[in-house]
Amino acid sequence: MVEDEELSRLIGEVAGGSRASLRALFDRMSGYLLAVCLRRLGRRDLAEEALQDAFVAIWKSAKNFDASSGSAKAWLSTIARRRAVDRLRASPWLSREITLEPGEKSSEGNADRLALAECLSRLEAQSHLAIRLCYLYGMTHHEISLATKAPLGTIKSRIRRALMQLRRCLDP
């Protein structure tokens, strides 16, 4: 409770334009928020970029924080998660291609991986993205809905249809 009161106070001061409070908020929460971003992105370089984006967003939107609507830590985490998802969606490594890494030898495991890549490439782009966000990055259907700005029912349907297509493709 004390921690959240302190975070709320810092956010209020940031809303008033205090750079020192933004620095204090960064010092206090950057490790935690970096972990939030890293969980979503899986790459430290992208997570650090998302963290930077998150603190820019915190600076710009601190005046919108309302302590009566929820905890300060949850508000900060939501901003970090959204910036990570934005990075994820914009990242070229979330492409439709899955290939062998340089130096990897072909094996049965890689053959399975390439078969899956082939089947994934046959999915329509929106279904492909929903499957990757759900199964590779651990996002919930609700989080995918928010990230892609598609209705929750649509996301659930896309994932269900995509899984059926993948099953048919992988089990001849």
C-alpha atoms as a PDB file:
ATOM      1  CA  MET A   1       0.000   0.000   0.000  1.00  0.00           C
ATOM      2  CA  VAL A   2       2.825   2.400   0.880  1.00  0.00           C
ATOM      3  CA  GLU A   3       4.590   1.601  -2.394  1.00  0.00           C
ATOM      4  CA  ASP A   4       1.493   2.428  -4.431  1.00  0.00           C
ATOM      5  CA  GLU A   5       0.981   5.696  -2.545  1.00  0.00           C
ATOM      6  CA  GLU A   6       4.587   6.653  -3.289  1.00  0.00           C
ATOM      7  CA  LEU A   7       4.186   5.734  -6.987  1.00  0.00           C
ATOM      8  CA  SER A   8       0.935   7.716  -7.151  1.00  0.00           C
ATOM      9  CA  ARG A   9       2.677  10.725  -5.619  1.00  0.00           C
ATOM     10  CA  LEU A  10       5.529  10.474  -8.147  1.00  0.00           C
ATOM     11  CA  ILE A  11       3.096  10.176 -11.067  1.00  0.00           C
ATOM     12  CA  GLY A  12       1.257  13.249  -9.781  1.00  0.00           C
ATOM     13  CA  GLU A  13       4.516  15.179  -9.674  1.00  0.00           C
ATOM     14  CA  VAL A  14       5.393  13.972 -13.182  1.00  0.00           C
ATOM     15  CA  ALA A  15       1.979  15.261 -14.304  1.00  0.00           C
ATOM     16  CA  GLY A  16       3.063  18.632 -12.931  1.00  0.00           C
ATOM     17  CA  GLY A  17       6.200  18.541 -15.078  1.00  0.00           C
ATOM     18  CA  SER A  18       8.767  17.339 -12.533  1.00  0.00           C
ATOM     19  CA  ARG A  19      11.683  15.765 -14.337  1.00  0.00           C
ATOM     20  CA  ALA A  20      13.227  14.789 -11.013  1.00  0.00           C
ATOM     21  CA  SER A  21      10.093  12.785 -10.184  1.00  0.00           C
ATOM     22  CA  LEU A  22      10.211  11.123 -13.606  1.00  0.00           C
ATOM     23  CA  ARG A  23      13.817  10.157 -12.872  1.00  0.00           C
ATOM     24  CA  ALA A  24      12.819   8.821  -9.443  1.00  0.00           C
ATOM     25  CA  LEU A  25       9.946   6.873 -11.015  1.00  0.00           C
ATOM     26  CA  PHE A  26      12.355   5.465 -13.613  1.00  0.00           C
ATOM     27  CA  ASP A  27      14.888   4.479 -10.949  1.00  0.00           C
ATOM     28  CA  ARG A  28      12.189   2.768  -8.912  1.00  0.00           C
ATOM     29  CA  MET A  29      10.221   0.990 -11.666  1.00  0.00           C
ATOM     30  CA  SER A  30      12.485   0.526 -14.693  1.00  0.00           C
ATOM     31  CA  GLY A  31      13.662  -2.957 -13.668  1.00  0.00           C
ATOM     32  CA  TYR A  32      10.135  -4.199 -13.126  1.00  0.00           C
ATOM     33  CA  LEU A  33       8.792  -2.602 -16.310  1.00  0.00           C
ATOM     34  CA  LEU A  34      11.749  -3.898 -18.324  1.00  0.00           C
ATOM     35  CA  ALA A  35      10.792  -7.406 -17.166  1.00  0.00           C
ATOM     36  CA  VAL A  36       7.200  -6.751 -18.296  1.00  0.00           C
ATOM     37  CA  CYS A  37       8.455  -5.727 -21.745  1.00  0.00           C
ATOM     38  CA  LEU A  38      10.966  -8.567 -21.937  1.00  0.00           C
ATOM     39  CA  ARG A  39       8.251 -11.138 -21.180  1.00  0.00           C
ATOM     40  CA  ARG A  40       6.302  -9.867 -24.191  1.00  0.00           C
ATOM     41  CA  LEU A  41       9.181  -9.378 -26.594  1.00  0.00           C
ATOM     42  CA  GLY A  42      11.745 -12.010 -25.681  1.00  0.00           C
ATOM     43  CA  ARG A  43      14.612  -9.773 -26.803  1.00  0.00           C
ATOM     44  CA  ARG A  44      16.373  -7.352 -24.488  1.00  0.00           C
ATOM     45  CA  ASP A  45      17.129  -4.758 -27.177  1.00  0.00           C
ATOM     46  CA  LEU A  46      13.461  -4.503 -28.165  1.00  0.00           C
ATOM     47  CA  ALA A  47      12.378  -4.550 -24.518  1.00  0.00           C
ATOM     48  CA  GLU A  48      14.697  -1.628 -23.753  1.00  0.00           C
ATOM     49  CA  GLU A  49      13.230   0.325 -26.687  1.00  0.00           C
ATOM     50  CA  ALA A  50       9.708  -0.448 -25.473  1.00  0.00           C
ATOM     51  CA  LEU A  51      10.689   0.675 -21.953  1.00  0.00           C
ATOM     52  CA  GLN A  52      11.953   3.970 -23.328  1.00  0.00           C
ATOM     53  CA  ASP A  53       8.699   4.395 -25.272  1.00  0.00           C
ATOM     54  CA  ALA A  54       6.769   3.583 -22.096  1.00  0.00           C
ATOM     55  CA  PHE A  55       8.487   6.315 -20.090  1.00  0.00           C
ATOM     56  CA  VAL A  56       7.863   8.843 -22.854  1.00  0.00           C
ATOM     57  CA  ALA A  57       4.191   7.821 -22.733  1.00  0.00           C
ATOM     58  CA  ILE A  58       4.196   8.083 -18.916  1.00  0.00           C
ATOM     59  CA  TRP A  59       5.637  11.601 -19.163  1.00  0.00           C
ATOM     60  CA  LYS A  60       2.956  12.618 -21.671  1.00  0.00           C
ATOM     61  CA  SER A  61      -0.014  10.923 -19.998  1.00  0.00           C
ATOM     62  CA  ALA A  62       0.712  11.220 -16.285  1.00  0.00           C
ATOM     63  CA  LYS A  63      -2.036  13.830 -16.010  1.00  0.00           C
ATOM     64  CA  ASN A  64      -4.539  11.091 -17.008  1.00  0.00           C
ATOM     65  CA  PHE A  65      -3.647   8.832 -14.082  1.00  0.00           C
ATOM     66  CA  ASP A  66      -6.484   8.408 -11.585  1.00  0.00           C
ATOM     67  CA  ALA A  67      -5.534   6.609  -8.377  1.00  0.00           C
ATOM     68  CA  SER A  68      -9.191   5.839  -7.682  1.00  0.00           C
ATOM     69  CA  SER A  69      -9.360   3.758 -10.880  1.00  0.00           C
ATOM     70  CA  GLY A  70      -6.588   1.355  -9.956  1.00  0.00           C
ATOM     71  CA  SER A  71      -3.088   0.999  -8.616  1.00  0.00           C
ATOM     72  CA  ALA A  72      -0.206   3.067  -9.907  1.00  0.00           C
ATOM     73  CA  LYS A  73       1.847  -0.068 -10.533  1.00  0.00           C
ATOM     74  CA  ALA A  74      -0.934  -1.544 -12.676  1.00  0.00           C
ATOM     75  CA  TRP A  75      -1.220   1.700 -14.644  1.00  0.00           C
ATOM     76  CA  LEU A  76       2.529   1.771 -15.292  1.00  0.00           C
ATOM     77  CA  SER A  77       2.536  -1.931 -16.224  1.00  0.00           C
ATOM     78  CA  THR A  78      -0.311  -1.416 -18.681  1.00  0.00           C
ATOM     79  CA  ILE A  79       1.580   1.357 -20.439  1.00  0.00           C
ATOM     80  CA  ALA A  80       4.721  -0.803 -20.633  1.00  0.00           C
ATOM     81  CA  ARG A  81       2.762  -3.814 -21.952  1.00  0.00           C
ATOM     82  CA  ARG A  82       1.096  -1.694 -24.623  1.00  0.00           C
ATOM     83  CA  ARG A  83       4.414  -0.257 -25.763  1.00  0.00           C
ATOM     84  CA  ALA A  84       5.863  -3.776 -25.916  1.00  0.00           C
ATOM     85  CA  VAL A  85       2.932  -4.934 -28.031  1.00  0.00           C
ATOM     86  CA  ASP A  86       3.399  -1.910 -30.307  1.00  0.00           C
ATOM     87  CA  ARG A  87       7.059  -2.889 -30.706  1.00  0.00           C
ATOM     88  CA  LEU A  88       6.088  -6.481 -31.343  1.00  0.00           C
ATOM     89  CA  ARG A  89       3.655  -5.524 -34.072  1.00  0.00           C
ATOM     90  CA  ALA A  90       6.170  -3.191 -35.737  1.00  0.00           C
ATOM     91  CA  SER A  91       9.139  -5.521 -35.475  1.00  0.00           C
ATOM     92  CA  PRO A  92      10.495  -7.106 -38.651  1.00  0.00           C
ATOM     93  CA  TRP A  93      11.365 -10.270 -36.699  1.00  0.00           C
ATOM     94  CA  LEU A  94       7.631 -10.913 -36.344  1.00  0.00           C
ATOM     95  CA  SER A  95       7.603 -11.636 -40.023  1.00  0.00           C
ATOM     96  CA  ARG A  96       5.831 -14.488 -41.748  1.00  0.00           C
ATOM     97  CA  GLU A  97       9.177 -16.193 -42.367  1.00  0.00           C
ATOM     98  CA  ILE A  98      10.709 -18.873 -40.169  1.00  0.00           C
ATOM     99  CA  THR A  99      14.043 -20.121 -41.433  1.00  0.00           C
ATOM    100  CA  LEU A 100      17.036 -22.006 -40.144  1.00  0.00           C
ATOM    101  CA  GLU A 101      19.531 -19.859 -38.302  1.00  0.00           C
ATOM    102  CA  PRO A 102      22.995 -19.584 -39.869  1.00  0.00           C
ATOM    103  CA  GLY A 103      25.021 -22.631 -38.932  1.00  0.00           C
ATOM    104  CA  GLU A 104      22.001 -24.779 -38.008  1.00  0.00           C
ATOM    105  CA  LYS A 105      22.005 -28.218 -39.520  1.00  0.00           C
ATOM    106  CA  SER A 106      18.938 -29.781 -40.997  1.00  0.00           C
ATOM    107  CA  SER A 107      17.387 -32.347 -38.693  1.00  0.00           C
ATOM    108  CA  GLU A 108      14.033 -33.908 -37.939  1.00  0.00           C
ATOM    109  CA  GLY A 109      13.288 -31.114 -35.458  1.00  0.00           C
ATOM    110  CA  ASN A 110      14.149 -28.504 -38.037  1.00  0.00           C
ATOM    111  CA  ALA A 111      12.045 -30.352 -40.615  1.00  0.00           C
ATOM    112  CA  ASP A 112       9.088 -30.118 -38.227  1.00  0.00           C
ATOM    113  CA  ARG A 113       9.831 -26.456 -37.678  1.00  0.00           C
ATOM    114  CA  LEU A 114       9.980 -25.813 -41.412  1.00  0.00           C
ATOM    115  CA  ALA A 115       6.747 -27.768 -41.963  1.00  0.00           C
ATOM    116  CA  LEU A 116       5.088 -25.578 -39.345  1.00  0.00           C
ATOM    117  CA  ALA A 117       6.522 -22.465 -41.014  1.00  0.00           C
ATOM    118  CA  GLU A 118       5.080 -23.598 -44.328  1.00  0.00           C
ATOM    119  CA  CYS A 119       1.657 -24.174 -42.766  1.00  0.00           C
ATOM    120  CA  LEU A 120       1.793 -20.830 -40.966  1.00  0.00           C
ATOM    121  CA  SER A 121       2.615 -19.073 -44.225  1.00  0.00           C
ATOM    122  CA  ARG A 122      -0.659 -20.377 -45.662  1.00  0.00           C
ATOM    123  CA  LEU A 123      -2.715 -18.606 -43.006  1.00  0.00           C
ATOM    124  CA  GLU A 124      -4.195 -15.211 -43.720  1.00  0.00           C
ATOM    125  CA  ALA A 125      -2.108 -12.433 -42.171  1.00  0.00           C
ATOM    126  CA  GLN A 126      -4.491 -11.594 -39.314  1.00  0.00           C
ATOM    127  CA  SER A 127      -4.830 -15.230 -38.258  1.00  0.00           C
ATOM    128  CA  HIS A 128      -1.078 -15.710 -38.500  1.00  0.00           C
ATOM    129  CA  LEU A 129      -0.480 -12.721 -36.233  1.00  0.00           C
ATOM    130  CA  ALA A 130      -3.100 -13.908 -33.694  1.00  0.00           C
ATOM    131  CA  ILE A 131      -1.527 -17.382 -33.528  1.00  0.00           C
ATOM    132  CA  ARG A 132       1.984 -15.972 -33.059  1.00  0.00           C
ATOM    133  CA  LEU A 133       0.895 -13.522 -30.379  1.00  0.00           C
ATOM    134  CA  CYS A 134      -1.015 -16.226 -28.524  1.00  0.00           C
ATOM    135  CA  TYR A 135       1.317 -19.210 -28.742  1.00  0.00           C
ATOM    136  CA  LEU A 136       4.761 -17.698 -29.215  1.00  0.00           C
ATOM    137  CA  TYR A 137       4.433 -14.638 -27.004  1.00  0.00           C
ATOM    138  CA  GLY A 138       1.912 -15.889 -24.446  1.00  0.00           C
ATOM    139  CA  MET A 139      -0.639 -13.141 -24.895  1.00  0.00           C
ATOM    140  CA  THR A 140      -4.215 -13.802 -23.808  1.00  0.00           C
ATOM    141  CA  HIS A 141      -7.097 -13.479 -26.257  1.00  0.00           C
ATOM    142  CA  HIS A 142      -8.094 -10.269 -24.489  1.00  0.00           C
ATOM    143  CA  GLU A 143      -4.581  -8.796 -24.830  1.00  0.00           C
ATOM    144  CA  ILE A 144      -4.510  -9.709 -28.529  1.00  0.00           C
ATOM    145  CA  SER A 145      -7.891  -8.043 -28.950  1.00  0.00           C
ATOM    146  CA  LEU A 146      -6.581  -4.847 -27.368  1.00  0.00           C
ATOM    147  CA  ALA A 147      -3.302  -4.939 -29.299  1.00  0.00           C
ATOM    148  CA  THR A 148      -4.882  -5.523 -32.694  1.00  0.00           C
ATOM    149  CA  LYS A 149      -8.011  -3.448 -32.008  1.00  0.00           C
ATOM    150  CA  ALA A 150     -10.186  -6.383 -33.108  1.00  0.00           C
ATOM    151  CA  PRO A 151     -13.227  -7.618 -31.156  1.00  0.00           C
ATOM    152  CA  LEU A 152     -12.548 -10.405 -28.671  1.00  0.00           C
ATOM    153  CA  GLY A 153     -14.945 -12.785 -30.448  1.00  0.00           C
ATOM    154  CA  THR A 154     -13.133 -12.181 -33.726  1.00  0.00           C
ATOM    155  CA  ILE A 155      -9.779 -13.024 -32.129  1.00  0.00           C
ATOM    156  CA  LYS A 156     -11.162 -16.236 -30.639  1.00  0.00           C
ATOM    157  CA  SER A 157     -12.634 -17.245 -34.012  1.00  0.00           C
ATOM    158  CA  ARG A 158      -9.400 -16.442 -35.882  1.00  0.00           C
ATOM    159  CA  ILE A 159      -7.347 -18.540 -33.487  1.00  0.00           C
ATOM    160  CA  ARG A 160      -9.796 -21.446 -33.574  1.00  0.00           C
ATOM    161  CA  ARG A 161      -9.967 -21.468 -37.401  1.00  0.00           C
ATOM    162  CA  ALA A 162      -6.192 -21.085 -37.677  1.00  0.00           C
ATOM    163  CA  LEU A 163      -5.590 -24.030 -35.337  1.00  0.00           C
ATOM    164  CA  MET A 164      -7.946 -26.192 -37.403  1.00  0.00           C
ATOM    165  CA  GLN A 165      -6.106 -25.150 -40.587  1.00  0.00           C
ATOM    166  CA  LEU A 166      -2.747 -25.920 -39.011  1.00  0.00           C
ATOM    167  CA  ARG A 167      -3.966 -29.329 -37.847  1.00  0.00           C
ATOM    168  CA  ARG A 168      -5.180 -30.201 -41.372  1.00  0.00           C
ATOM    169  CA  CYS A 169      -1.929 -28.957 -42.895  1.00  0.00           C
ATOM    170  CA  LEU A 170       0.365 -30.816 -40.475  1.00  0.00           C
ATOM    171  CA  ASP A 171      -1.647 -34.094 -40.391  1.00  0.00           C
ATOM    172  CA  PRO A 172      -2.005 -35.088 -44.058  1.00  0.00           C
END
